[in-house]
Protein backbone atom coordinates (compact mmCIF):
# COMPACT_ATOMS: atom_id res chain seq x y z
CA MET A 1 19.06 -26.74 -24.72
CA ILE A 2 22.27 -24.64 -24.57
CA ILE A 3 21.65 -22.50 -21.57
CA CYS A 4 24.14 -19.40 -20.28
CA VAL A 5 24.11 -18.69 -16.95
CA LEU A 6 24.86 -15.30 -16.14
CA ASN A 7 25.86 -15.34 -12.36
CA GLY A 8 25.76 -11.40 -11.16
CA SER A 9 26.63 -12.44 -7.60
CA PRO A 10 30.05 -10.38 -6.31
CA ALA A 11 30.52 -13.90 -4.59
CA GLY A 12 31.16 -15.71 -7.75
CA ASN A 13 30.82 -19.73 -6.94
CA TYR A 14 29.84 -18.59 -3.35
CA SER A 15 26.80 -17.56 -4.46
CA ILE A 16 23.58 -18.88 -2.74
CA THR A 17 21.71 -17.96 -6.31
CA LEU A 18 24.43 -20.01 -7.56
CA GLN A 19 23.47 -22.71 -5.77
CA THR A 20 19.93 -22.77 -6.77
CA VAL A 21 21.05 -22.85 -10.75
CA LYS A 22 23.63 -25.48 -9.85
CA TYR A 23 20.56 -27.53 -8.14
CA ILE A 24 18.50 -27.03 -10.70
CA GLU A 25 21.32 -28.42 -13.50
CA LYS A 26 20.87 -31.75 -11.33
CA ARG A 27 17.57 -31.95 -11.23
CA PHE A 28 17.09 -31.67 -15.33
CA PRO A 29 20.36 -33.29 -16.66
CA GLY A 30 20.35 -32.77 -20.55
CA ASN A 31 21.05 -29.49 -20.93
CA GLU A 32 24.18 -27.51 -21.57
CA MET A 33 24.99 -25.45 -18.97
CA ILE A 34 27.22 -21.98 -19.66
CA TYR A 35 28.44 -20.02 -16.59
CA LEU A 36 29.78 -16.55 -16.55
CA ASN A 37 30.95 -15.12 -13.56
CA ILE A 38 30.21 -11.67 -14.39
CA GLY A 39 30.22 -10.28 -10.42
CA THR A 40 34.18 -11.27 -10.43
CA ARG A 41 35.10 -11.11 -14.16
CA ILE A 42 33.64 -7.83 -15.18
CA ARG A 43 36.52 -5.79 -15.25
CA ALA A 44 38.53 -7.99 -17.12
CA TRP A 45 35.35 -8.40 -19.76
CA GLU A 46 35.48 -4.46 -20.00
CA LYS A 47 39.09 -4.79 -21.89
CA ASP A 48 38.04 -8.12 -23.76
CA PHE A 49 34.35 -9.32 -24.12
CA SER A 50 35.10 -11.92 -26.53
CA GLU A 51 34.70 -15.00 -23.94
CA PRO A 52 31.25 -13.81 -22.95
CA ALA A 53 30.38 -13.29 -26.00
CA SER A 54 31.27 -16.69 -27.73
CA ALA A 55 28.55 -18.19 -24.68
CA LEU A 56 26.30 -15.87 -25.49
CA ILE A 57 25.84 -16.47 -29.33
CA LYS A 58 26.06 -19.91 -28.64
CA ALA A 59 23.27 -19.89 -26.01
CA GLU A 60 19.23 -20.97 -26.63
CA LEU A 61 18.54 -19.38 -23.57
CA ILE A 62 19.99 -16.97 -20.83
CA ILE A 63 19.17 -17.20 -16.59
CA PHE A 64 19.96 -13.67 -15.12
CA ALA A 65 21.23 -15.09 -11.76
CA TYR A 66 21.90 -12.92 -8.91
CA PRO A 67 21.02 -11.39 -5.48
CA VAL A 68 18.83 -8.49 -5.13
CA TYR A 69 20.94 -5.26 -3.77
CA THR A 70 19.21 -1.75 -3.36
CA PHE A 71 15.89 -2.59 -5.34
CA LEU A 72 17.83 -4.08 -8.54
CA ALA A 73 20.32 -6.20 -9.62
CA PRO A 74 23.98 -5.34 -8.60
CA SER A 75 26.04 -2.82 -10.05
CA GLN A 76 28.37 -5.49 -11.93
CA MET A 77 25.33 -7.07 -13.36
CA HIS A 78 24.19 -3.14 -14.63
CA ARG A 79 27.66 -2.52 -16.27
CA PHE A 80 27.63 -6.47 -18.15
CA ILE A 81 23.96 -5.16 -19.44
CA VAL A 82 25.95 -2.15 -21.35
CA LEU A 83 28.54 -4.64 -22.63
CA MET A 84 25.66 -6.78 -23.90
CA LYS A 85 24.08 -4.08 -25.96
CA ALA A 86 27.62 -2.74 -27.03
CA SER A 87 28.70 -6.11 -28.37
CA GLY A 88 26.67 -6.12 -31.81
CA ILE A 89 25.47 -9.82 -30.99
CA ASP A 90 22.16 -10.28 -31.90
CA PHE A 91 19.95 -11.57 -28.93
CA SER A 92 16.45 -11.72 -30.61
CA GLY A 93 14.86 -14.94 -30.33
CA LYS A 94 16.61 -16.11 -27.61
CA PHE A 95 14.69 -16.56 -24.64
CA ALA A 96 15.62 -15.28 -21.36
CA THR A 97 14.72 -15.30 -17.56
CA GLN A 98 16.21 -14.94 -14.33
CA LEU A 99 16.75 -16.39 -10.41
CA THR A 100 16.93 -14.01 -8.05
CA THR A 101 17.51 -14.62 -3.70
CA SER A 102 16.55 -11.47 -1.49
CA LYS A 103 13.88 -11.67 1.25
CA HIS A 104 11.57 -10.32 -1.19
CA PHE A 105 12.36 -6.59 -0.78
CA TYR A 106 11.85 -4.87 -3.88
CA ASP A 107 12.56 -7.85 -6.15
CA MET A 108 9.45 -7.10 -8.53
CA THR A 109 11.50 -3.61 -9.76
CA ALA A 110 15.08 -5.54 -9.48
CA HIS A 111 13.10 -8.70 -12.06
CA ARG A 112 11.18 -5.46 -14.09
CA TYR A 113 14.44 -3.85 -14.63
CA ILE A 114 15.67 -7.13 -16.39
CA GLU A 115 12.88 -7.96 -17.70
CA ASP A 116 13.07 -3.91 -19.87
CA ASN A 117 16.35 -4.64 -20.85
CA CYS A 118 15.93 -8.03 -22.70
CA HIS A 119 13.19 -6.48 -24.37
CA ASP A 120 15.44 -3.78 -25.76
CA MET A 121 17.55 -6.56 -26.99
CA GLY A 122 15.02 -8.28 -28.49
CA MET A 123 14.86 -11.28 -26.27
CA LYS A 124 11.46 -13.65 -25.02
CA VAL A 125 11.41 -13.20 -21.75
CA ILE A 126 9.46 -15.67 -19.24
CA HIS A 127 9.21 -14.37 -15.94
CA GLY A 128 11.51 -15.39 -13.28
CA LEU A 129 11.91 -16.50 -9.88
CA SER A 130 12.19 -14.80 -7.04
CA ALA A 131 13.60 -16.86 -4.01
CA ASP A 132 13.91 -16.26 -0.53
CA MET A 133 18.01 -16.75 1.09
CA ASP A 134 17.02 -19.96 2.48
CA ASP A 135 14.13 -21.23 0.16
CA LEU A 136 16.59 -23.97 -1.39
CA LEU A 137 17.41 -25.76 2.58
CA SER A 138 13.37 -26.73 2.45
CA LYS A 139 11.79 -29.07 0.63
CA ARG A 140 8.94 -25.94 -0.52
CA GLY A 141 11.74 -24.27 -2.36
CA GLN A 142 13.10 -27.16 -3.80
CA CYS A 143 9.72 -27.95 -5.19
CA ASP A 144 9.31 -24.02 -6.67
CA ALA A 145 12.68 -24.29 -8.01
CA ASP A 146 11.81 -27.57 -10.00
CA ASN A 147 8.43 -26.05 -10.90
CA PHE A 148 9.71 -22.64 -11.86
CA PHE A 149 12.28 -24.70 -14.49
CA ALA A 150 9.74 -27.21 -15.84
CA TYR A 151 7.95 -23.99 -17.04
CA VAL A 152 10.66 -22.43 -18.33
CA SER A 153 11.27 -25.48 -20.11
CA HIS A 154 7.72 -25.72 -21.44
CA CYS A 155 7.78 -22.14 -22.67
CA ALA A 156 10.88 -22.60 -24.55
CA GLU A 157 10.16 -25.69 -26.45
CA HIS A 158 6.49 -24.44 -27.67
CA GLY A 159 7.58 -20.80 -28.15
CA ILE A 160 6.00 -19.26 -25.29
CA TYR A 161 6.74 -15.78 -23.63
CA GLU A 162 5.49 -12.57 -22.23
CA SER A 163 4.56 -10.05 -24.96
CA PRO A 164 7.09 -7.19 -24.85
CA PRO A 165 5.56 -3.66 -24.49
CA GLN A 166 4.84 -1.79 -27.53
CA ALA A 167 7.73 0.61 -28.34
CA VAL A 168 6.90 4.36 -28.10
CA SER A 169 9.45 6.47 -30.19
CA ARG A 170 9.68 9.96 -28.25
CA THR A 171 11.99 12.45 -28.64
CA ILE A 172 12.92 14.19 -25.59
CA PRO A 173 13.07 18.35 -26.39
CA GLU A 174 15.68 20.42 -25.68
CA TYR A 175 15.78 21.60 -22.33
CA VAL A 176 14.53 25.18 -21.61
CA SER A 177 15.46 27.08 -18.23
CA VAL A 178 13.10 28.44 -15.78
CA PHE A 179 15.48 30.70 -14.24
CA GLU A 180 16.95 32.63 -16.16
CA ASP A 181 15.89 35.84 -14.85
CA GLY A 182 14.00 36.73 -11.54
CA VAL A 183 16.41 35.28 -8.76
CA SER A 184 19.57 36.80 -6.52
CA SER A 185 22.32 35.44 -7.14
CA ASP A 186 23.31 36.01 -3.41
CA LYS A 187 22.64 32.47 -2.38
CA SER A 188 21.60 32.10 1.70
CA ASP A 189 23.99 29.14 3.58
CA LYS A 190 21.28 28.26 6.28
CA PHE A 191 20.96 25.03 4.44
CA ASP A 192 23.40 22.50 2.98
CA THR A 193 22.04 21.10 -0.37
CA VAL A 194 24.50 18.62 -2.28
CA ILE A 195 23.68 17.52 -5.28
CA VAL A 196 25.38 14.04 -6.19
CA ALA A 197 25.29 14.29 -10.18
CA ASP A 198 26.62 11.20 -12.49
CA LEU A 199 27.66 13.77 -15.16
CA ARG A 200 29.65 12.65 -17.90
CA ASP A 201 31.21 14.15 -21.06
CA GLY A 202 28.45 14.94 -23.41
CA ASP A 203 25.42 14.64 -20.72
CA THR A 204 25.04 18.74 -21.64
CA ARG A 205 20.84 18.47 -21.00
CA LEU A 206 22.00 17.28 -17.73
CA ALA A 207 24.72 19.66 -17.05
CA ALA A 208 21.54 22.32 -18.06
CA MET A 209 19.38 21.31 -15.74
CA ILE A 210 21.78 21.08 -13.17
CA GLU A 211 22.58 24.23 -13.61
CA ASP A 212 19.10 26.00 -13.68
CA PHE A 213 18.63 24.12 -10.55
CA ARG A 214 21.28 26.05 -9.07
CA HIS A 215 20.34 29.06 -10.23
CA GLY A 216 16.64 28.88 -9.19
CA PHE A 217 17.39 27.38 -5.63
CA VAL A 218 17.81 30.13 -3.09
CA TYR A 219 20.24 28.23 -0.67
CA LYS A 220 23.82 27.46 -1.70
CA THR A 221 24.23 23.86 -3.45
CA ARG A 222 27.65 21.50 -3.63
CA LEU A 223 27.95 19.35 -6.32
CA VAL A 224 29.69 16.04 -6.10
CA ASN A 225 30.44 14.54 -9.62
CA ILE A 226 30.65 10.40 -8.77
CA ALA A 227 31.45 9.98 -12.36
CA GLU A 228 34.76 11.76 -11.09
CA TYR A 229 34.86 9.05 -8.40
CA LYS A 230 37.68 6.45 -8.08
CA PHE A 231 35.37 3.42 -7.01
CA ASP A 232 37.63 0.25 -6.02
CA GLY A 233 34.52 -1.91 -7.21
CA GLY A 234 30.79 -2.26 -6.41
CA CYS A 235 29.76 -4.38 -3.24
CA LEU A 236 31.19 -7.33 -3.00
CA GLY A 237 28.13 -8.50 -0.26
CA CYS A 238 31.10 -9.86 1.81
CA PHE A 239 29.58 -8.55 5.45
CA ASN A 240 32.89 -6.97 6.25
CA CYS A 241 30.76 -3.74 7.24
CA ALA A 242 28.47 -5.44 9.27
CA ALA A 243 29.89 -4.75 12.26
CA ASP A 244 31.58 -1.26 12.44
CA GLY A 245 30.35 0.25 9.17
CA LYS A 246 34.18 0.50 7.68
CA CYS A 247 34.15 -1.00 3.88
CA VAL A 248 36.59 -3.57 2.89
CA TYR A 249 37.73 -1.43 -0.04
CA LYS A 250 40.26 1.10 0.71
CA ASP A 251 39.18 3.70 -1.63
CA GLY A 252 37.31 5.59 1.17
CA PHE A 253 33.94 6.01 0.25
CA ASP A 254 32.38 5.20 3.22
CA SER A 255 33.95 8.39 5.45
CA PHE A 256 33.15 10.37 2.15
CA LEU A 257 29.56 9.28 1.94
CA ARG A 258 28.93 10.27 5.44
CA GLU A 259 31.14 13.36 5.61
CA GLU A 260 30.50 15.38 1.77
CA ILE A 261 26.81 13.73 1.72
CA GLN A 262 24.56 12.24 4.15
CA ASN A 263 25.16 15.35 6.82
CA ALA A 264 23.89 17.93 4.23
CA ASP A 265 20.35 19.13 5.03
CA ALA A 266 18.85 18.12 1.95
CA ILE A 267 20.14 15.79 -0.88
CA VAL A 268 19.67 16.26 -4.77
CA LEU A 269 19.97 13.21 -6.86
CA ALA A 270 20.83 14.16 -10.51
CA PHE A 271 21.72 11.56 -13.88
CA THR A 272 20.90 10.27 -17.29
CA ILE A 273 18.56 7.25 -17.34
CA ARG A 274 20.45 4.87 -18.89
CA ASN A 275 18.85 1.37 -19.86
CA HIS A 276 15.63 2.07 -17.66
CA SER A 277 17.71 2.77 -14.48
CA MET A 278 20.10 5.54 -13.09
CA GLY A 279 23.18 3.62 -15.01
CA GLU A 280 25.99 1.39 -13.73
CA THR A 281 27.74 4.25 -11.55
CA PHE A 282 25.06 5.17 -9.94
CA LYS A 283 24.56 1.59 -9.00
CA THR A 284 28.01 1.54 -7.47
CA TYR A 285 27.19 4.28 -5.61
CA ASP A 286 23.63 2.90 -4.24
CA ASP A 287 25.28 -0.88 -3.57
CA ARG A 288 28.10 0.50 -1.87
CA GLN A 289 25.77 2.52 0.76
CA PHE A 290 25.69 -0.83 2.53
CA CYS A 291 28.57 0.33 4.39
CA ASN A 292 25.43 1.94 6.45
CA GLY A 293 23.88 -1.70 6.84
CA HIS A 294 20.10 -1.24 6.47
CA ARG A 295 19.97 1.86 8.52
CA THR A 296 17.81 4.99 7.62
CA VAL A 297 20.50 7.20 8.14
CA THR A 298 19.32 10.04 5.98
CA ALA A 299 15.85 9.91 7.54
CA GLY A 300 13.51 12.98 7.75
CA LYS A 301 15.97 14.39 4.97
CA PRO A 302 13.98 15.77 1.92
CA PHE A 303 15.53 14.43 -1.12
CA GLY A 304 15.02 15.91 -5.34
CA TYR A 305 15.83 14.37 -8.29
CA ILE A 306 16.72 16.11 -11.59
CA VAL A 307 16.31 13.21 -14.62
CA ASN A 308 17.30 13.92 -18.03
CA GLY A 309 15.63 11.43 -20.26
CA ASP A 310 12.03 10.27 -20.75
CA TYR A 311 11.22 9.94 -17.26
CA GLU A 312 7.44 9.35 -18.27
CA ALA A 313 8.04 6.13 -19.98
CA GLU A 314 9.92 4.59 -17.17
CA HIS A 315 7.46 3.33 -14.98
CA ASN A 316 9.52 0.64 -12.90
CA LEU A 317 11.97 3.77 -12.25
CA ARG A 318 9.34 6.32 -11.32
CA THR A 319 8.49 3.12 -8.21
CA LEU A 320 12.20 2.76 -7.65
CA ILE A 321 12.44 6.54 -6.80
CA GLU A 322 9.03 7.08 -5.13
CA ALA A 323 9.57 3.36 -2.87
CA ARG A 324 13.33 4.51 -2.02
CA CYS A 325 12.38 7.73 -0.47
CA ASP A 326 9.42 6.29 1.33
CA VAL A 327 11.85 3.42 2.51
CA GLY A 328 14.42 5.90 3.73
CA HIS A 329 11.69 8.32 5.54
CA ASN A 330 12.55 10.85 3.43
CA PHE A 331 10.29 13.41 1.68
CA LEU A 332 10.30 13.67 -2.20
CA ALA A 333 10.20 17.21 -2.87
CA GLY A 334 9.71 16.45 -7.01
CA VAL A 335 11.61 14.75 -9.87
CA ALA A 336 12.52 17.51 -12.21
CA TYR A 337 12.84 15.77 -16.07
CA ASN A 338 11.26 18.95 -17.90
CA HIS A 339 10.58 22.63 -17.64
CA GLU A 340 7.14 22.18 -15.34
CA SER A 341 8.62 19.52 -13.19
CA MET A 342 11.40 22.06 -12.21
CA SER A 343 9.48 24.83 -11.30
CA MET A 344 7.81 23.06 -9.01
CA MET A 345 10.51 21.37 -7.21
CA VAL A 346 12.31 24.27 -6.88
CA PRO A 347 10.08 25.85 -4.75
CA MET A 348 8.58 22.83 -2.77
CA LEU A 349 12.14 21.69 -1.54
CA LYS A 350 12.60 25.02 -0.66
CA TYR A 351 9.45 25.19 1.79
CA VAL A 352 10.03 21.38 2.81
CA LEU A 353 13.42 22.55 3.96
CA GLU A 354 12.52 25.42 5.76
CA ASN A 355 9.64 23.94 7.51
CA ARG A 356 11.42 20.78 8.33
CA TYR A 357 8.07 18.80 6.91
CA THR A 358 8.04 15.16 7.02
CA GLN A 359 5.12 12.51 6.19
CA PRO A 360 4.45 9.21 7.70
CA ARG A 361 5.56 6.09 5.31
CA ARG A 362 3.22 4.72 2.98
CA PHE A 363 2.82 0.90 2.06
CA TYR A 364 6.46 1.39 0.10
CA GLY A 365 8.23 2.38 3.27
CA VAL A 366 6.24 0.60 6.18
CA GLY A 367 6.27 -3.11 4.03
CA GLY A 368 9.55 -2.41 3.70
CA MET A 369 10.98 -1.60 7.03
CA LYS A 370 8.99 -4.54 8.42
CA ILE A 371 10.88 -6.97 5.64
CA PHE A 372 14.31 -5.18 7.00
CA ARG A 373 13.00 -5.47 10.93
CA ASP A 374 12.65 -8.86 10.86
CA LEU A 375 15.68 -9.67 8.67
CA ILE A 376 18.03 -7.60 11.34
CA TRP A 377 16.40 -9.65 14.48
CA VAL A 378 17.44 -12.97 12.58
CA MET A 379 20.65 -11.45 12.43
CA ARG A 380 21.31 -9.12 15.34
CA GLY A 381 24.39 -11.26 16.51
CA LEU A 382 26.06 -10.44 12.46
CA MET A 383 24.43 -6.95 12.35
CA LYS A 384 25.30 -5.51 15.34
CA ALA A 385 25.54 -1.89 14.14
CA ASP A 386 22.15 -2.23 12.44
CA HIS A 387 20.81 -4.23 15.46
CA LYS A 388 21.85 -1.12 17.70
CA TYR A 389 20.11 1.20 15.21
CA TYR A 390 16.83 -0.73 15.15
CA LYS A 391 16.62 -0.71 19.13
CA ALA A 392 17.38 2.62 19.59
CA HIS A 393 14.71 4.13 16.56
CA GLY A 394 12.05 1.82 17.97
CA ILE A 395 12.09 0.11 14.57
CA TYR A 396 11.57 -3.33 16.42
CA ASP A 397 7.60 -3.29 16.65
CA PHE A 398 6.48 -6.30 16.47
CA PRO A 399 2.47 -6.79 17.00
CA GLN A 400 2.89 -9.82 19.77
CA LYS A 401 4.24 -6.55 22.00
CA LYS A 402 0.88 -5.40 21.66
CA ARG A 403 -0.70 -7.83 24.42
CA PHE A 404 -3.30 -4.96 25.68
CA MET A 405 -4.47 -4.63 22.32
CA MET A 406 -4.47 -8.40 21.55
CA LEU A 407 -6.29 -8.92 24.81
CA LYS A 408 -9.17 -6.17 23.99
CA MET A 409 -9.29 -7.47 20.55
CA CYS A 410 -10.01 -11.50 22.00
CA LEU A 411 -13.01 -9.81 24.31
CA LEU A 412 -14.48 -8.24 21.45
CA GLY A 413 -14.23 -11.18 19.30
CA ALA A 414 -15.58 -13.10 22.22
CA LEU A 415 -18.93 -10.64 22.40
CA VAL A 416 -19.40 -10.19 18.73
CA ARG A 417 -19.74 -13.71 18.67
CA ASN A 418 -22.86 -14.03 20.34
CA PRO A 419 -25.68 -13.27 17.95
CA LYS A 420 -27.66 -11.73 21.30
CA VAL A 421 -24.98 -9.76 22.61
CA ARG A 422 -24.35 -8.44 19.38
CA ALA A 423 -28.19 -7.20 18.53
CA LYS A 424 -27.89 -5.39 21.99
CA MET A 425 -24.66 -3.59 20.79
CA GLY A 426 -26.08 -2.18 18.10
CA ASN A 427 -23.91 0.70 17.08
CA ARG A 428 -22.74 1.50 20.37
CA MET A 429 -19.37 -0.44 19.35
CA ASN A 430 -18.80 2.23 16.11
CA GLU A 431 -19.43 4.34 18.51
CA GLY A 432 -16.86 3.18 21.13
CA MET A 433 -14.38 3.36 18.52
CA THR A 434 -14.72 6.38 17.44
CA ALA A 435 -15.00 8.30 20.68
CA PRO A 436 -11.42 9.59 21.73
CA TYR A 437 -11.01 10.60 17.83
CA ARG A 438 -14.20 12.90 18.25
CA LYS A 439 -12.18 13.94 21.29
CA ILE A 440 -9.26 14.87 19.63
CA VAL A 441 -11.26 17.25 16.98
CA GLU A 442 -13.49 18.64 19.42
CA GLU A 443 -10.62 19.68 21.29
CA ALA A 444 -8.50 20.95 18.45
CA GLN A 445 -7.87 24.49 18.21
CA PRO A 446 -6.60 27.28 15.03
CA MET A 447 -2.94 26.97 13.88
CA ILE A 448 -1.18 30.18 14.93
CA LYS A 449 0.92 31.16 12.06
CA SER A 450 4.20 32.68 12.87
């Protein structure tokens, strides 16, 4: 079988993900492997796509191999998918799968992003392998890699693949302004709200939505158009910023991010849906925020989104937006994608800002932060800035620290395992558990509105 490996890691041949592919190549001889180092060659291929085009045309199976960056594939892979779709190559009938390495932090949204785009190109999708970064070093991880490629080979040989989602053609209506009348042009500067937009030539609908938001929002807003920012490139995953937060690039993005965006009281992100995500420019912006490491430096600040496109049909993007706010401990004040949602987001963001309203993290955020908690604890010798932040903010909430609770549960467990004791206790255990909560309820007083 002729296999084209799309290595999306900026580390190129030093990619950990790539080593698993190389291992599979040794374990399953007889296949012709063609490697394309997207992460290091994307700038050259933007100018001349002939080399990757030749490999893609020849391939029977395409493997997307990459590390998971900020919920998705790296920005370099985003850009390559744009080039694939623009190439005119007929991908229908080719098999596609993926192999990723991560700490399983939102690997499912990354995989779904690749699968959605492969379905767009008519490819036969086989579910991929999400491996931990260290898996290949263990017998279990090697076995997982073996079983994965045996499964992929079987599927390709027998024509087995995931059923593509049913295509639904929907027309996006022209955006109708919500706030043409009735809002004062005299804006308060009490709160600083920044709109971070990927606003390109031809994005007339998005521009109209942004203008409508700015007209209807009672506080002054600033517009930062990242489509105009001169990025030197996407995140390299080099860990140069691990100790002091300084990016290896000299384009000034780390300072720009902190001084122009993260200092705002509220952040609104605005983009047009491109290839089932926020587009390659926004992905570069997101990936380059790794200069903050794994620190939720905007925690407590409300976020809003202005999205141009069929947002209701993009289930993975909706999950991603919700999860990003939950992990970052940012209240999601709404996603404005049509007339009605815009009319809801504007007053909601106003209330959240004025009342400094936040909510506790839910599963997306709690689970995500526990993954980071364990990762930074192990890597604290390298990621010193993250370690200092996690200590200062009490994120190292390891369950083994709760010794009193563990002891209490051991004693309680010993009691309830005894049938006679359990019979005598009756409902007293439930009463004892709820007693402190009932006390809080009894002592609660009505709130006085200011």
